[in-house]
PDB file of N, CA and C in Angstrom:
ATOM      1  N   MET A   1    -106.297 -82.625 174.235  1.00  0.00           N
ATOM      2  CA  MET A   1    -105.556 -83.319 173.198  1.00  0.00           C
ATOM      3  C   MET A   1    -104.471 -84.180 173.850  1.00  0.00           C
ATOM      4  N   ALA A   2    -104.410 -85.450 173.500  1.00  0.00           N
ATOM      5  CA  ALA A   2    -103.429 -86.362 174.083  1.00  0.00           C
ATOM      6  C   ALA A   2    -102.044 -86.082 173.505  1.00  0.00           C
ATOM      7  N   GLU A   3    -101.033 -86.223 174.343  1.00  0.00           N
ATOM      8  CA  GLU A   3     -99.668 -86.018 173.873  1.00  0.00           C
ATOM      9  C   GLU A   3     -99.253 -87.198 173.015  1.00  0.00           C
ATOM     10  N   GLU A   4     -98.446 -86.895 172.004  1.00  0.00           N
ATOM     11  CA  GLU A   4     -97.945 -87.940 171.120  1.00  0.00           C
ATOM     12  C   GLU A   4     -96.847 -88.722 171.836  1.00  0.00           C
ATOM     13  N   LYS A   5     -96.854 -90.036 171.648  1.00  0.00           N
ATOM     14  CA  LYS A   5     -95.838 -90.873 172.276  1.00  0.00           C
ATOM     15  C   LYS A   5     -94.482 -90.567 171.670  1.00  0.00           C
ATOM     16  N   LEU A   6     -93.475 -90.483 172.524  1.00  0.00           N
ATOM     17  CA  LEU A   6     -92.105 -90.241 172.083  1.00  0.00           C
ATOM     18  C   LEU A   6     -91.270 -91.482 172.357  1.00  0.00           C
ATOM     19  N   TYR A   7     -90.348 -91.762 171.465  1.00  0.00           N
ATOM     20  CA  TYR A   7     -89.527 -92.968 171.556  1.00  0.00           C
ATOM     21  C   TYR A   7     -88.060 -92.579 171.709  1.00  0.00           C
ATOM     22  N   LYS A   8     -87.370 -93.279 172.595  1.00  0.00           N
ATOM     23  CA  LYS A   8     -85.940 -93.038 172.799  1.00  0.00           C
ATOM     24  C   LYS A   8     -85.152 -93.684 171.667  1.00  0.00           C
ATOM     25  N   ILE A   9     -83.920 -93.239 171.515  1.00  0.00           N
ATOM     26  CA  ILE A   9     -83.093 -93.696 170.396  1.00  0.00           C
ATOM     27  C   ILE A   9     -82.906 -95.221 170.403  1.00  0.00           C
ATOM     28  N   GLY A  10     -82.798 -95.818 171.563  1.00  0.00           N
ATOM     29  CA  GLY A  10     -82.636 -97.269 171.630  1.00  0.00           C
ATOM     30  C   GLY A  10     -83.846 -98.005 171.087  1.00  0.00           C
ATOM     31  N   GLU A  11     -85.049 -97.496 171.414  1.00  0.00           N
ATOM     32  CA  GLU A  11     -86.280 -98.114 170.906  1.00  0.00           C
ATOM     33  C   GLU A  11     -86.361 -97.979 169.389  1.00  0.00           C
ATOM     34  N   VAL A  12     -85.998 -96.812 168.895  1.00  0.00           N
ATOM     35  CA  VAL A  12     -86.066 -96.557 167.456  1.00  0.00           C
ATOM     36  C   VAL A  12     -85.038 -97.420 166.724  1.00  0.00           C
ATOM     37  N   CYS A  13     -83.864 -97.579 167.308  1.00  0.00           N
ATOM     38  CA  CYS A  13     -82.836 -98.435 166.695  1.00  0.00           C
ATOM     39  C   CYS A  13     -83.335 -99.872 166.567  1.00  0.00           C
ATOM     40  N   ARG A  14     -84.021-100.362 167.590  1.00  0.00           N
ATOM     41  CA  ARG A  14     -84.571-101.726 167.512  1.00  0.00           C
ATOM     42  C   ARG A  14     -85.659-101.816 166.440  1.00  0.00           C
ATOM     43  N   MET A  15     -86.529-100.804 166.379  1.00  0.00           N
ATOM     44  CA  MET A  15     -87.609-100.808 165.387  1.00  0.00           C
ATOM     45  C   MET A  15     -87.055-100.791 163.962  1.00  0.00           C
ATOM     46  N   ALA A  16     -86.059 -99.952 163.738  1.00  0.00           N
ATOM     47  CA  ALA A  16     -85.513 -99.770 162.391  1.00  0.00           C
ATOM     48  C   ALA A  16     -84.362-100.730 162.092  1.00  0.00           C
ATOM     49  N   ASP A  17     -83.865-101.424 163.113  1.00  0.00           N
ATOM     50  CA  ASP A  17     -82.733-102.335 162.971  1.00  0.00           C
ATOM     51  C   ASP A  17     -81.502-101.621 162.406  1.00  0.00           C
ATOM     52  N   VAL A  18     -81.174-100.483 163.038  1.00  0.00           N
ATOM     53  CA  VAL A  18     -79.956 -99.737 162.707  1.00  0.00           C
ATOM     54  C   VAL A  18     -79.267 -99.341 164.012  1.00  0.00           C
ATOM     55  N   GLN A  19     -78.010 -99.012 163.911  1.00  0.00           N
ATOM     56  CA  GLN A  19     -77.229 -98.610 165.077  1.00  0.00           C
ATOM     57  C   GLN A  19     -77.463 -97.122 165.394  1.00  0.00           C
ATOM     58  N   PRO A  20     -77.291 -96.728 166.657  1.00  0.00           N
ATOM     59  CA  PRO A  20     -77.492 -95.319 167.026  1.00  0.00           C
ATOM     60  C   PRO A  20     -76.626 -94.344 166.221  1.00  0.00           C
ATOM     61  N   TYR A  21     -75.387 -94.733 165.915  1.00  0.00           N
ATOM     62  CA  TYR A  21     -74.527 -93.819 165.156  1.00  0.00           C
ATOM     63  C   TYR A  21     -75.089 -93.576 163.751  1.00  0.00           C
ATOM     64  N   VAL A  22     -75.812 -94.561 163.210  1.00  0.00           N
ATOM     65  CA  VAL A  22     -76.433 -94.404 161.891  1.00  0.00           C
ATOM     66  C   VAL A  22     -77.532 -93.352 161.973  1.00  0.00           C
ATOM     67  N   LEU A  23     -78.375 -93.443 163.003  1.00  0.00           N
ATOM     68  CA  LEU A  23     -79.433 -92.440 163.170  1.00  0.00           C
ATOM     69  C   LEU A  23     -78.850 -91.048 163.358  1.00  0.00           C
ATOM     70  N   ARG A  24     -77.808 -90.959 164.182  1.00  0.00           N
ATOM     71  CA  ARG A  24     -77.197 -89.645 164.420  1.00  0.00           C
ATOM     72  C   ARG A  24     -76.625 -89.078 163.120  1.00  0.00           C
ATOM     73  N   TYR A  25     -76.048 -89.938 162.284  1.00  0.00           N
ATOM     74  CA  TYR A  25     -75.515 -89.485 160.995  1.00  0.00           C
ATOM     75  C   TYR A  25     -76.650 -89.032 160.078  1.00  0.00           C
ATOM     76  N   TRP A  26     -77.723 -89.831 160.011  1.00  0.00           N
ATOM     77  CA  TRP A  26     -78.851 -89.463 159.160  1.00  0.00           C
ATOM     78  C   TRP A  26     -79.434 -88.120 159.569  1.00  0.00           C
ATOM     79  N   GLU A  27     -79.424 -87.824 160.865  1.00  0.00           N
ATOM     80  CA  GLU A  27     -79.928 -86.526 161.337  1.00  0.00           C
ATOM     81  C   GLU A  27     -79.131 -85.376 160.739  1.00  0.00           C
ATOM     82  N   THR A  28     -77.840 -85.593 160.490  1.00  0.00           N
ATOM     83  CA  THR A  28     -77.012 -84.537 159.905  1.00  0.00           C
ATOM     84  C   THR A  28     -77.259 -84.388 158.407  1.00  0.00           C
ATOM     85  N   GLU A  29     -77.735 -85.436 157.758  1.00  0.00           N
ATOM     86  CA  GLU A  29     -77.925 -85.429 156.309  1.00  0.00           C
ATOM     87  C   GLU A  29     -79.355 -85.135 155.861  1.00  0.00           C
ATOM     88  N   PHE A  30     -80.330 -85.482 156.684  1.00  0.00           N
ATOM     89  CA  PHE A  30     -81.731 -85.341 156.314  1.00  0.00           C
ATOM     90  C   PHE A  30     -82.408 -84.322 157.229  1.00  0.00           C
ATOM     91  N   PRO A  31     -82.651 -83.101 156.712  1.00  0.00           N
ATOM     92  CA  PRO A  31     -83.260 -82.056 157.539  1.00  0.00           C
ATOM     93  C   PRO A  31     -84.631 -82.439 158.103  1.00  0.00           C
ATOM     94  N   ALA A  32     -85.363 -83.310 157.417  1.00  0.00           N
ATOM     95  CA  ALA A  32     -86.685 -83.714 157.894  1.00  0.00           C
ATOM     96  C   ALA A  32     -86.592 -84.530 159.178  1.00  0.00           C
ATOM     97  N   LEU A  33     -85.425 -85.042 159.458  1.00  0.00           N
ATOM     98  CA  LEU A  33     -85.214 -85.873 160.638  1.00  0.00           C
ATOM     99  C   LEU A  33     -84.537 -85.025 161.715  1.00  0.00           C
ATOM    100  N   ALA A  34     -85.355 -84.482 162.610  1.00  0.00           N
ATOM    101  CA  ALA A  34     -84.839 -83.595 163.657  1.00  0.00           C
ATOM    102  C   ALA A  34     -85.565 -83.886 164.964  1.00  0.00           C
ATOM    103  N   PRO A  35     -85.153 -84.939 165.669  1.00  0.00           N
ATOM    104  CA  PRO A  35     -85.844 -85.276 166.914  1.00  0.00           C
ATOM    105  C   PRO A  35     -85.632 -84.223 167.989  1.00  0.00           C
ATOM    106  N   ASN A  36     -86.614 -84.113 168.855  1.00  0.00           N
ATOM    107  CA  ASN A  36     -86.469 -83.244 170.023  1.00  0.00           C
ATOM    108  C   ASN A  36     -85.519 -83.923 170.998  1.00  0.00           C
ATOM    109  N   LYS A  37     -85.020 -83.152 171.927  1.00  0.00           N
ATOM    110  CA  LYS A  37     -84.154 -83.731 172.964  1.00  0.00           C
ATOM    111  C   LYS A  37     -84.749 -83.423 174.326  1.00  0.00           C
ATOM    112  N   SER A  38     -84.615 -84.391 175.208  1.00  0.00           N
ATOM    113  CA  SER A  38     -85.107 -84.205 176.571  1.00  0.00           C
ATOM    114  C   SER A  38     -84.168 -83.251 177.304  1.00  0.00           C
ATOM    115  N   GLY A  39     -84.540 -82.903 178.521  1.00  0.00           N
ATOM    116  CA  GLY A  39     -83.692 -82.030 179.329  1.00  0.00           C
ATOM    117  C   GLY A  39     -82.291 -82.593 179.512  1.00  0.00           C
ATOM    118  N   GLY A  40     -82.182 -83.916 179.526  1.00  0.00           N
ATOM    119  CA  GLY A  40     -80.880 -84.562 179.695  1.00  0.00           C
ATOM    120  C   GLY A  40     -80.149 -84.815 178.392  1.00  0.00           C
ATOM    121  N   GLY A  41     -80.719 -84.361 177.278  1.00  0.00           N
ATOM    122  CA  GLY A  41     -80.053 -84.524 175.989  1.00  0.00           C
ATOM    123  C   GLY A  41     -80.425 -85.808 175.245  1.00  0.00           C
ATOM    124  N   GLN A  42     -81.348 -86.592 175.787  1.00  0.00           N
ATOM    125  CA  GLN A  42     -81.788 -87.839 175.143  1.00  0.00           C
ATOM    126  C   GLN A  42     -82.653 -87.514 173.930  1.00  0.00           C
ATOM    127  N   ARG A  43     -82.329 -88.106 172.786  1.00  0.00           N
ATOM    128  CA  ARG A  43     -83.140 -87.905 171.581  1.00  0.00           C
ATOM    129  C   ARG A  43     -84.501 -88.570 171.769  1.00  0.00           C
ATOM    130  N   LEU A  44     -85.558 -87.834 171.377  1.00  0.00           N
ATOM    131  CA  LEU A  44     -86.915 -88.347 171.484  1.00  0.00           C
ATOM    132  C   LEU A  44     -87.591 -88.234 170.116  1.00  0.00           C
ATOM    133  N   TYR A  45     -88.002 -89.375 169.569  1.00  0.00           N
ATOM    134  CA  TYR A  45     -88.548 -89.448 168.221  1.00  0.00           C
ATOM    135  C   TYR A  45     -90.068 -89.623 168.246  1.00  0.00           C
ATOM    136  N   THR A  46     -90.738 -88.946 167.306  1.00  0.00           N
ATOM    137  CA  THR A  46     -92.179 -89.108 167.136  1.00  0.00           C
ATOM    138  C   THR A  46     -92.436 -90.233 166.140  1.00  0.00           C
ATOM    139  N   LYS A  47     -93.687 -90.637 166.025  1.00  0.00           N
ATOM    140  CA  LYS A  47     -94.066 -91.668 165.060  1.00  0.00           C
ATOM    141  C   LYS A  47     -93.733 -91.199 163.646  1.00  0.00           C
ATOM    142  N   ARG A  48     -93.959 -89.933 163.351  1.00  0.00           N
ATOM    143  CA  ARG A  48     -93.649 -89.394 162.016  1.00  0.00           C
ATOM    144  C   ARG A  48     -92.156 -89.516 161.729  1.00  0.00           C
ATOM    145  N   GLU A  49     -91.324 -89.209 162.703  1.00  0.00           N
ATOM    146  CA  GLU A  49     -89.874 -89.319 162.501  1.00  0.00           C
ATOM    147  C   GLU A  49     -89.451 -90.776 162.305  1.00  0.00           C
ATOM    148  N   ILE A  50     -90.112 -91.679 162.994  1.00  0.00           N
ATOM    149  CA  ILE A  50     -89.815 -93.106 162.804  1.00  0.00           C
ATOM    150  C   ILE A  50     -90.194 -93.520 161.382  1.00  0.00           C
ATOM    151  N   ASP A  51     -91.327 -93.025 160.897  1.00  0.00           N
ATOM    152  CA  ASP A  51     -91.723 -93.316 159.512  1.00  0.00           C
ATOM    153  C   ASP A  51     -90.679 -92.787 158.535  1.00  0.00           C
ATOM    154  N   ILE A  52     -90.149 -91.609 158.800  1.00  0.00           N
ATOM    155  CA  ILE A  52     -89.108 -91.028 157.948  1.00  0.00           C
ATOM    156  C   ILE A  52     -87.850 -91.893 157.998  1.00  0.00           C
ATOM    157  N   ILE A  53     -87.478 -92.342 159.179  1.00  0.00           N
ATOM    158  CA  ILE A  53     -86.301 -93.202 159.334  1.00  0.00           C
ATOM    159  C   ILE A  53     -86.472 -94.492 158.533  1.00  0.00           C
ATOM    160  N   LEU A  54     -87.639 -95.097 158.633  1.00  0.00           N
ATOM    161  CA  LEU A  54     -87.893 -96.336 157.897  1.00  0.00           C
ATOM    162  C   LEU A  54     -87.851 -96.091 156.388  1.00  0.00           C
ATOM    163  N   ARG A  55     -88.338 -94.937 155.959  1.00  0.00           N
ATOM    164  CA  ARG A  55     -88.286 -94.609 154.526  1.00  0.00           C
ATOM    165  C   ARG A  55     -86.848 -94.368 154.082  1.00  0.00           C
ATOM    166  N   ILE A  56     -86.060 -93.681 154.899  1.00  0.00           N
ATOM    167  CA  ILE A  56     -84.640 -93.455 154.575  1.00  0.00           C
ATOM    168  C   ILE A  56     -83.937 -94.801 154.439  1.00  0.00           C
ATOM    169  N   LYS A  57     -84.174 -95.681 155.376  1.00  0.00           N
ATOM    170  CA  LYS A  57     -83.540 -97.008 155.332  1.00  0.00           C
ATOM    171  C   LYS A  57     -83.945 -97.738 154.053  1.00  0.00           C
ATOM    172  N   GLN A  58     -85.220 -97.675 153.694  1.00  0.00           N
ATOM    173  CA  GLN A  58     -85.686 -98.333 152.477  1.00  0.00           C
ATOM    174  C   GLN A  58     -84.998 -97.749 151.243  1.00  0.00           C
ATOM    175  N   LEU A  59     -84.926 -96.428 151.182  1.00  0.00           N
ATOM    176  CA  LEU A  59     -84.291 -95.778 150.036  1.00  0.00           C
ATOM    177  C   LEU A  59     -82.823 -96.179 149.912  1.00  0.00           C
ATOM    178  N   LEU A  60     -82.116 -96.192 151.043  1.00  0.00           N
ATOM    179  CA  LEU A  60     -80.682 -96.478 151.025  1.00  0.00           C
ATOM    180  C   LEU A  60     -80.378 -97.969 150.855  1.00  0.00           C
ATOM    181  N   TYR A  61     -81.027 -98.802 151.631  1.00  0.00           N
ATOM    182  CA  TYR A  61     -80.662-100.216 151.679  1.00  0.00           C
ATOM    183  C   TYR A  61     -81.404-101.078 150.658  1.00  0.00           C
ATOM    184  N   SER A  62     -82.689-100.797 150.437  1.00  0.00           N
ATOM    185  CA  SER A  62     -83.478-101.640 149.531  1.00  0.00           C
ATOM    186  C   SER A  62     -83.479-101.120 148.096  1.00  0.00           C
ATOM    187  N   GLU A  63     -83.609 -99.793 147.953  1.00  0.00           N
ATOM    188  CA  GLU A  63     -83.729 -99.225 146.614  1.00  0.00           C
ATOM    189  C   GLU A  63     -82.392 -98.750 146.048  1.00  0.00           C
ATOM    190  N   GLY A  64     -81.339 -98.787 146.847  1.00  0.00           N
ATOM    191  CA  GLY A  64     -79.993 -98.491 146.358  1.00  0.00           C
ATOM    192  C   GLY A  64     -79.670 -97.033 146.098  1.00  0.00           C
ATOM    193  N   PHE A  65     -80.419 -96.117 146.709  1.00  0.00           N
ATOM    194  CA  PHE A  65     -80.116 -94.694 146.545  1.00  0.00           C
ATOM    195  C   PHE A  65     -78.833 -94.337 147.285  1.00  0.00           C
ATOM    196  N   THR A  66     -78.140 -93.321 146.792  1.00  0.00           N
ATOM    197  CA  THR A  66     -77.033 -92.725 147.549  1.00  0.00           C
ATOM    198  C   THR A  66     -77.661 -91.816 148.598  1.00  0.00           C
ATOM    199  N   ILE A  67     -76.849 -91.308 149.519  1.00  0.00           N
ATOM    200  CA  ILE A  67     -77.356 -90.366 150.518  1.00  0.00           C
ATOM    201  C   ILE A  67     -77.966 -89.154 149.806  1.00  0.00           C
ATOM    202  N   ALA A  68     -77.239 -88.605 148.827  1.00  0.00           N
ATOM    203  CA  ALA A  68     -77.732 -87.429 148.107  1.00  0.00           C
ATOM    204  C   ALA A  68     -79.028 -87.737 147.370  1.00  0.00           C
ATOM    205  N   GLY A  69     -79.097 -88.889 146.725  1.00  0.00           N
ATOM    206  CA  GLY A  69     -80.309 -89.273 146.003  1.00  0.00           C
ATOM    207  C   GLY A  69     -81.478 -89.508 146.936  1.00  0.00           C
ATOM    208  N   ALA A  70     -81.218 -90.168 148.058  1.00  0.00           N
ATOM    209  CA  ALA A  70     -82.272 -90.426 149.041  1.00  0.00           C
ATOM    210  C   ALA A  70     -82.768 -89.111 149.638  1.00  0.00           C
ATOM    211  N   LYS A  71     -81.839 -88.196 149.884  1.00  0.00           N
ATOM    212  CA  LYS A  71     -82.202 -86.894 150.443  1.00  0.00           C
ATOM    213  C   LYS A  71     -83.136 -86.162 149.479  1.00  0.00           C
ATOM    214  N   LYS A  72     -82.788 -86.157 148.203  1.00  0.00           N
ATOM    215  CA  LYS A  72     -83.600 -85.481 147.191  1.00  0.00           C
ATOM    216  C   LYS A  72     -84.970 -86.150 147.061  1.00  0.00           C
ATOM    217  N   LYS A  73     -84.977 -87.467 147.008  1.00  0.00           N
ATOM    218  CA  LYS A  73     -86.229 -88.221 146.874  1.00  0.00           C
ATOM    219  C   LYS A  73     -87.140 -87.980 148.087  1.00  0.00           C
ATOM    220  N   LEU A  74     -86.574 -88.031 149.289  1.00  0.00           N
ATOM    221  CA  LEU A  74     -87.356 -87.819 150.507  1.00  0.00           C
ATOM    222  C   LEU A  74     -87.924 -86.404 150.549  1.00  0.00           C
ATOM    223  N   GLU A  75     -87.123 -85.423 150.192  1.00  0.00           N
ATOM    224  CA  GLU A  75     -87.603 -84.033 150.175  1.00  0.00           C
ATOM    225  C   GLU A  75     -88.763 -83.896 149.199  1.00  0.00           C
ATOM    226  N   GLN A  76     -88.639 -84.557 148.050  1.00  0.00           N
ATOM    227  CA  GLN A  76     -89.705 -84.523 147.043  1.00  0.00           C
ATOM    228  C   GLN A  76     -90.978 -85.164 147.597  1.00  0.00           C
ATOM    229  N   GLU A  77     -90.844 -86.326 148.213  1.00  0.00           N
ATOM    230  CA  GLU A  77     -92.007 -87.031 148.757  1.00  0.00           C
ATOM    231  C   GLU A  77     -92.686 -86.236 149.868  1.00  0.00           C
ATOM    232  N   LEU A  78     -91.893 -85.608 150.725  1.00  0.00           N
ATOM    233  CA  LEU A  78     -92.463 -84.865 151.848  1.00  0.00           C
ATOM    234  C   LEU A  78     -93.110 -83.556 151.408  1.00  0.00           C
ATOM    235  N   SER A  79     -92.702 -83.035 150.238  1.00  0.00           N
ATOM    236  CA  SER A  79     -93.275 -81.768 149.777  1.00  0.00           C
ATOM    237  C   SER A  79     -94.519 -81.975 148.924  1.00  0.00           C
ATOM    238  N   GLU A  80     -94.771 -83.208 148.487  1.00  0.00           N
ATOM    239  CA  GLU A  80     -95.956 -83.486 147.671  1.00  0.00           C
ATOM    240  C   GLU A  80     -97.206 -83.363 148.531  1.00  0.00           C
ATOM    241  N   PRO A  81     -98.213 -82.650 148.022  1.00  0.00           N
ATOM    242  CA  PRO A  81     -99.468 -82.564 148.781  1.00  0.00           C
ATOM    243  C   PRO A  81    -100.168 -83.922 148.776  1.00  0.00           C
ATOM    244  N   VAL A  82    -100.872 -84.189 149.839  1.00  0.00           N
ATOM    245  CA  VAL A  82    -101.620 -85.438 149.940  1.00  0.00           C
ATOM    246  C   VAL A  82    -102.857 -85.305 149.069  1.00  0.00           C
ATOM    247  N   ALA A  83    -103.024 -86.232 148.125  1.00  0.00           N
ATOM    248  CA  ALA A  83    -104.153 -86.182 147.200  1.00  0.00           C
ATOM    249  C   ALA A  83    -105.438 -86.600 147.912  1.00  0.00           C
ATOM    250  N   PRO A  84    -106.529 -85.896 147.647  1.00  0.00           N
ATOM    251  CA  PRO A  84    -107.802 -86.314 148.244  1.00  0.00           C
ATOM    252  C   PRO A  84    -108.256 -87.626 147.602  1.00  0.00           C
ATOM    253  N   PRO A  85    -109.085 -88.387 148.303  1.00  0.00           N
ATOM    254  CA  PRO A  85    -109.545 -89.644 147.724  1.00  0.00           C
ATOM    255  C   PRO A  85    -110.353 -89.380 146.457  1.00  0.00           C
ATOM    256  N   PRO A  86    -110.300 -90.286 145.492  1.00  0.00           N
ATOM    257  CA  PRO A  86    -111.036 -90.064 144.249  1.00  0.00           C
ATOM    258  C   PRO A  86    -112.542 -90.025 144.501  1.00  0.00           C
ATOM    259  N   VAL A  87    -113.215 -89.207 143.719  1.00  0.00           N
ATOM    260  CA  VAL A  87    -114.656 -89.059 143.846  1.00  0.00           C
ATOM    261  C   VAL A  87    -115.314 -90.031 142.877  1.00  0.00           C
ATOM    262  N   ALA A  88    -116.308 -90.756 143.360  1.00  0.00           N
ATOM    263  CA  ALA A  88    -117.024 -91.702 142.507  1.00  0.00           C
ATOM    264  C   ALA A  88    -117.804 -90.934 141.450  1.00  0.00           C
ATOM    265  N   PRO A  89    -117.847 -91.450 140.214  1.00  0.00           N
ATOM    266  CA  PRO A  89    -118.592 -90.741 139.177  1.00  0.00           C
ATOM    267  C   PRO A  89    -120.088 -90.732 139.498  1.00  0.00           C
ATOM    268  N   ALA A  90    -120.736 -89.677 139.075  1.00  0.00           N
ATOM    269  CA  ALA A  90    -122.174 -89.551 139.305  1.00  0.00           C
ATOM    270  C   ALA A  90    -122.910 -90.590 138.463  1.00  0.00           C
ATOM    271  N   PRO A  91    -124.017 -91.105 138.981  1.00  0.00           N
ATOM    272  CA  PRO A  91    -124.772 -92.081 138.182  1.00  0.00           C
ATOM    273  C   PRO A  91    -125.283 -91.436 136.907  1.00  0.00           C
ATOM    274  N   LYS A  92    -125.378 -92.236 135.847  1.00  0.00           N
ATOM    275  CA  LYS A  92    -125.850 -91.712 134.573  1.00  0.00           C
ATOM    276  C   LYS A  92    -127.330 -91.376 134.665  1.00  0.00           C
ATOM    277  N   ALA A  93    -127.744 -90.516 133.799  1.00  0.00           N
ATOM    278  CA  ALA A  93    -129.144 -90.081 133.792  1.00  0.00           C
ATOM    279  C   ALA A  93    -130.065 -91.264 133.526  1.00  0.00           C
ATOM    280  N   SER A  94    -131.280 -91.165 134.021  1.00  0.00           N
ATOM    281  CA  SER A  94    -132.238 -92.255 133.875  1.00  0.00           C
ATOM    282  C   SER A  94    -132.544 -92.538 132.412  1.00  0.00           C
ATOM    283  N   ARG A  95    -132.378 -91.537 131.519  1.00  0.00           N
ATOM    284  CA  ARG A  95    -132.623 -91.728 130.099  1.00  0.00           C
ATOM    285  C   ARG A  95    -131.697 -92.802 129.544  1.00  0.00           C
ATOM    286  N   SER A  96    -130.434 -92.805 129.954  1.00  0.00           N
ATOM    287  CA  SER A  96    -129.502 -93.811 129.450  1.00  0.00           C
ATOM    288  C   SER A  96    -129.865 -95.194 129.982  1.00  0.00           C
ATOM    289  N   ARG A  97    -130.427 -95.235 131.183  1.00  0.00           N
ATOM    290  CA  ARG A  97    -130.877 -96.523 131.709  1.00  0.00           C
ATOM    291  C   ARG A  97    -132.028 -97.066 130.871  1.00  0.00           C
ATOM    292  N   ALA A  98    -132.918 -96.165 130.463  1.00  0.00           N
ATOM    293  CA  ALA A  98    -134.063 -96.589 129.659  1.00  0.00           C
ATOM    294  C   ALA A  98    -133.607 -97.115 128.310  1.00  0.00           C
ATOM    295  N   VAL A  99    -132.595 -96.474 127.723  1.00  0.00           N
ATOM    296  CA  VAL A  99    -132.068 -96.922 126.436  1.00  0.00           C
ATOM    297  C   VAL A  99    -131.367 -98.259 126.589  1.00  0.00           C
ATOM    298  N   ALA A 100    -130.603 -98.424 127.670  1.00  0.00           N
ATOM    299  CA  ALA A 100    -129.853 -99.658 127.876  1.00  0.00           C
ATOM    300  C   ALA A 100    -130.744-100.804 128.303  1.00  0.00           C
ATOM    301  N   SER A 101    -131.903-100.521 128.838  1.00  0.00           N
ATOM    302  CA  SER A 101    -132.759-101.557 129.383  1.00  0.00           C
ATOM    303  C   SER A 101    -133.161-102.622 128.363  1.00  0.00           C
ATOM    304  N   PRO A 102    -133.606-102.274 127.151  1.00  0.00           N
ATOM    305  CA  PRO A 102    -133.937-103.327 126.187  1.00  0.00           C
ATOM    306  C   PRO A 102    -132.722-104.189 125.835  1.00  0.00           C
ATOM    307  N   LYS A 103    -131.554-103.564 125.746  1.00  0.00           N
ATOM    308  CA  LYS A 103    -130.341-104.326 125.463  1.00  0.00           C
ATOM    309  C   LYS A 103    -130.063-105.314 126.593  1.00  0.00           C
ATOM    310  N   LEU A 104    -130.187-104.833 127.822  1.00  0.00           N
ATOM    311  CA  LEU A 104    -129.941-105.701 128.969  1.00  0.00           C
ATOM    312  C   LEU A 104    -130.960-106.831 129.047  1.00  0.00           C
ATOM    313  N   ASP A 105    -132.199-106.509 128.711  1.00  0.00           N
ATOM    314  CA  ASP A 105    -133.223-107.559 128.717  1.00  0.00           C
ATOM    315  C   ASP A 105    -132.865-108.651 127.711  1.00  0.00           C
ATOM    316  N   GLY A 106    -132.391-108.266 126.555  1.00  0.00           N
ATOM    317  CA  GLY A 106    -131.988-109.238 125.544  1.00  0.00           C
ATOM    318  C   GLY A 106    -130.832-110.102 126.025  1.00  0.00           C
ATOM    319  N   ILE A 107    -129.867-109.467 126.676  1.00  0.00           N
ATOM    320  CA  ILE A 107    -128.715-110.205 127.198  1.00  0.00           C
ATOM    321  C   ILE A 107    -129.159-111.169 128.291  1.00  0.00           C
ATOM    322  N   ARG A 108    -130.050-110.700 129.151  1.00  0.00           N
ATOM    323  CA  ARG A 108    -130.562-111.574 130.217  1.00  0.00           C
ATOM    324  C   ARG A 108    -131.256-112.807 129.633  1.00  0.00           C
ATOM    325  N   GLN A 109    -132.068-112.589 128.597  1.00  0.00           N
ATOM    326  CA  GLN A 109    -132.781-113.705 127.970  1.00  0.00           C
ATOM    327  C   GLN A 109    -131.795-114.707 127.372  1.00  0.00           C
ATOM    328  N   GLU A 110    -130.745-114.188 126.720  1.00  0.00           N
ATOM    329  CA  GLU A 110    -129.735-115.070 126.135  1.00  0.00           C
ATOM    330  C   GLU A 110    -129.003-115.858 127.214  1.00  0.00           C
ATOM    331  N   LEU A 111    -128.685-115.204 128.307  1.00  0.00           N
ATOM    332  CA  LEU A 111    -127.992-115.893 129.396  1.00  0.00           C
ATOM    333  C   LEU A 111    -128.879-116.962 130.031  1.00  0.00           C
ATOM    334  N   ARG A 112    -130.161-116.664 130.169  1.00  0.00           N
ATOM    335  CA  ARG A 112    -131.086-117.662 130.712  1.00  0.00           C
ATOM    336  C   ARG A 112    -131.173-118.881 129.790  1.00  0.00           C
ATOM    337  N   ALA A 113    -131.192-118.605 128.486  1.00  0.00           N
ATOM    338  CA  ALA A 113    -131.249-119.707 127.516  1.00  0.00           C
ATOM    339  C   ALA A 113    -129.988-120.561 127.613  1.00  0.00           C
ATOM    340  N   ILE A 114    -128.834-119.924 127.749  1.00  0.00           N
ATOM    341  CA  ILE A 114    -127.563-120.661 127.887  1.00  0.00           C
ATOM    342  C   ILE A 114    -127.578-121.473 129.173  1.00  0.00           C
ATOM    343  N   LEU A 115    -128.079-120.880 130.245  1.00  0.00           N
ATOM    344  CA  LEU A 115    -128.158-121.579 131.531  1.00  0.00           C
ATOM    345  C   LEU A 115    -129.048-122.814 131.427  1.00  0.00           C
ATOM    346  N   GLU A 116    -130.167-122.683 130.724  1.00  0.00           N
ATOM    347  CA  GLU A 116    -131.060-123.826 130.556  1.00  0.00           C
ATOM    348  C   GLU A 116    -130.394-124.927 129.725  1.00  0.00           C
ATOM    349  N   MET A 117    -129.618-124.530 128.723  1.00  0.00           N
ATOM    350  CA  MET A 117    -128.904-125.506 127.895  1.00  0.00           C
ATOM    351  C   MET A 117    -127.867-126.251 128.742  1.00  0.00           C
ATOM    352  N   LEU A 118    -127.212-125.535 129.646  1.00  0.00           N
ATOM    353  CA  LEU A 118    -126.184-126.156 130.493  1.00  0.00           C
ATOM    354  C   LEU A 118    -126.803-127.102 131.508  1.00  0.00           C
ATOM    355  N   LYS A 119    -128.014-126.790 131.960  1.00  0.00           N
ATOM    356  CA  LYS A 119    -128.685-127.649 132.935  1.00  0.00           C
ATOM    357  C   LYS A 119    -129.131-128.963 132.284  1.00  0.00           C
ATOM    358  N   ALA A 120    -129.432-128.928 130.993  1.00  0.00           N
ATOM    359  CA  ALA A 120    -129.946-130.118 130.308  1.00  0.00           C
ATOM    360  C   ALA A 120    -128.889-131.184 130.098  1.00  0.00           C
TER     361      ALA A 120
END
């Protein structure tokens, strides 16, 4: 299994266009944002944490949430289960196709007649 790429705080600040002190503050307010630290104490962020940072920024700066509101909204979003993709409905029974077929034939004939009128 390949190791996940880790990003230093400076790289994340450039990606998110925020100052390091902002990220450090958000870490104190948002429990979901908890980067690992290297042996030297350097914060190391995963792609998931960067996604969380970008969402926090959107909630605060674009959507106008307060810190408390953004915290609640983010916790709600992160706790929601991921919905499976919708299942396509099963095709209808062949009996319904047989019933619809004469109707469709009539519609086709009418459309052909209209097409011929338009060509003339």
